[in-house]
C-alpha atoms as a PDB file:
ATOM      1  CA  MET A   1     -33.472   8.400 -20.281  1.00  0.00           C
ATOM      2  CA  THR A   2     -32.023   4.955 -21.245  1.00  0.00           C
ATOM      3  CA  ASP A   3     -33.610   1.829 -21.066  1.00  0.00           C
ATOM      4  CA  MET A   4     -33.092  -1.594 -20.400  1.00  0.00           C
ATOM      5  CA  ILE A   5     -31.984  -2.444 -23.915  1.00  0.00           C
ATOM      6  CA  ASP A   6     -29.606   0.472 -24.182  1.00  0.00           C
ATOM      7  CA  GLN A   7     -27.976  -0.597 -20.906  1.00  0.00           C
ATOM      8  CA  ALA A   8     -27.227  -4.078 -22.035  1.00  0.00           C
ATOM      9  CA  GLN A   9     -25.795  -2.682 -25.203  1.00  0.00           C
ATOM     10  CA  GLU A  10     -23.145  -0.893 -23.669  1.00  0.00           C
ATOM     11  CA  ILE A  11     -22.605  -3.445 -21.254  1.00  0.00           C
ATOM     12  CA  GLN A  12     -22.213  -5.865 -24.200  1.00  0.00           C
ATOM     13  CA  LEU A  13     -19.709  -3.136 -25.719  1.00  0.00           C
ATOM     14  CA  LYS A  14     -17.357  -2.806 -22.790  1.00  0.00           C
ATOM     15  CA  GLN A  15     -17.287  -6.550 -22.702  1.00  0.00           C
ATOM     16  CA  VAL A  16     -16.115  -7.663 -26.216  1.00  0.00           C
ATOM     17  CA  ALA A  17     -14.304  -4.448 -26.728  1.00  0.00           C
ATOM     18  CA  TRP A  18     -10.600  -5.143 -27.947  1.00  0.00           C
ATOM     19  CA  VAL A  19      -7.528  -3.255 -26.765  1.00  0.00           C
ATOM     20  CA  LYS A  20      -4.901  -3.746 -29.275  1.00  0.00           C
ATOM     21  CA  GLN A  21      -1.710  -4.513 -27.113  1.00  0.00           C
ATOM     22  CA  ASP A  22       2.101  -4.803 -28.720  1.00  0.00           C
ATOM     23  CA  TYR A  23       2.953  -8.220 -27.678  1.00  0.00           C
ATOM     24  CA  GLN A  24       6.101  -7.646 -29.211  1.00  0.00           C
ATOM     25  CA  THR A  25       7.033  -5.672 -25.938  1.00  0.00           C
ATOM     26  CA  PRO A  26       9.028  -7.811 -23.579  1.00  0.00           C
ATOM     27  CA  SER A  27       7.235  -9.056 -20.364  1.00  0.00           C
ATOM     28  CA  LEU A  28       7.913  -7.889 -16.897  1.00  0.00           C
ATOM     29  CA  VAL A  29       9.632 -10.497 -15.057  1.00  0.00           C
ATOM     30  CA  GLU A  30       7.715  -9.777 -11.784  1.00  0.00           C
ATOM     31  CA  CYS A  31       3.737  -8.681 -11.721  1.00  0.00           C
ATOM     32  CA  GLU A  32       3.740  -4.847 -11.240  1.00  0.00           C
ATOM     33  CA  GLU A  33       0.496  -5.370  -8.638  1.00  0.00           C
ATOM     34  CA  CYS A  34       1.635  -7.627  -6.135  1.00  0.00           C
ATOM     35  CA  GLY A  35       5.376  -8.179  -6.875  1.00  0.00           C
ATOM     36  CA  ASN A  36       5.140 -12.027  -7.670  1.00  0.00           C
ATOM     37  CA  ASP A  37       6.957 -13.806 -10.014  1.00  0.00           C
ATOM     38  CA  ILE A  38       5.729 -14.248 -13.601  1.00  0.00           C
ATOM     39  CA  PRO A  39       5.756 -17.371 -14.934  1.00  0.00           C
ATOM     40  CA  VAL A  40       8.122 -18.092 -17.965  1.00  0.00           C
ATOM     41  CA  GLN A  41       5.541 -19.621 -19.940  1.00  0.00           C
ATOM     42  CA  ARG A  42       3.480 -16.440 -19.415  1.00  0.00           C
ATOM     43  CA  GLN A  43       5.913 -14.172 -20.068  1.00  0.00           C
ATOM     44  CA  LYS A  44       6.781 -15.586 -23.663  1.00  0.00           C
ATOM     45  CA  TYR A  45       3.274 -13.929 -24.802  1.00  0.00           C
ATOM     46  CA  GLY A  46       5.064 -10.737 -24.682  1.00  0.00           C
ATOM     47  CA  ASN A  47       3.723  -7.194 -23.140  1.00  0.00           C
ATOM     48  CA  ILE A  48       2.944  -9.770 -20.064  1.00  0.00           C
ATOM     49  CA  LYS A  49       2.613  -7.045 -16.628  1.00  0.00           C
ATOM     50  CA  LEU A  50       0.462  -8.823 -14.509  1.00  0.00           C
ATOM     51  CA  CYS A  51       0.527 -11.874 -12.857  1.00  0.00           C
ATOM     52  CA  ILE A  52      -2.467 -14.858 -13.375  1.00  0.00           C
ATOM     53  CA  GLU A  53      -4.466 -13.843 -10.143  1.00  0.00           C
ATOM     54  CA  CYS A  54      -3.946  -9.684 -10.379  1.00  0.00           C
ATOM     55  CA  ALA A  55      -4.800 -10.239 -14.244  1.00  0.00           C
ATOM     56  CA  THR A  56      -8.097 -12.233 -13.184  1.00  0.00           C
ATOM     57  CA  VAL A  57      -8.727  -9.245 -10.456  1.00  0.00           C
ATOM     58  CA  ALA A  58      -8.578  -6.693 -13.144  1.00  0.00           C
ATOM     59  CA  GLU A  59     -10.600  -8.639 -15.676  1.00  0.00           C
ATOM     60  CA  LYS A  60     -13.312  -8.968 -13.291  1.00  0.00           C
ATOM     61  CA  ARG A  61     -13.220  -5.132 -12.237  1.00  0.00           C
ATOM     62  CA  GLY A  62     -13.683  -4.120 -15.650  1.00  0.00           C
END
């Protein structure tokens, strides 16, 4: 059985885990979730697929 410290460590590892993204891939013009436009300033980062609102919701979901 896991104790609270083990559970806290698992949560922390999930929060700091980095997913390597290829920023050389062009960004989408429209959000793949809701279809709203992705601002040009955001597209410049590369490999952007979600608008700010959908990205925020996705990050909160984990």
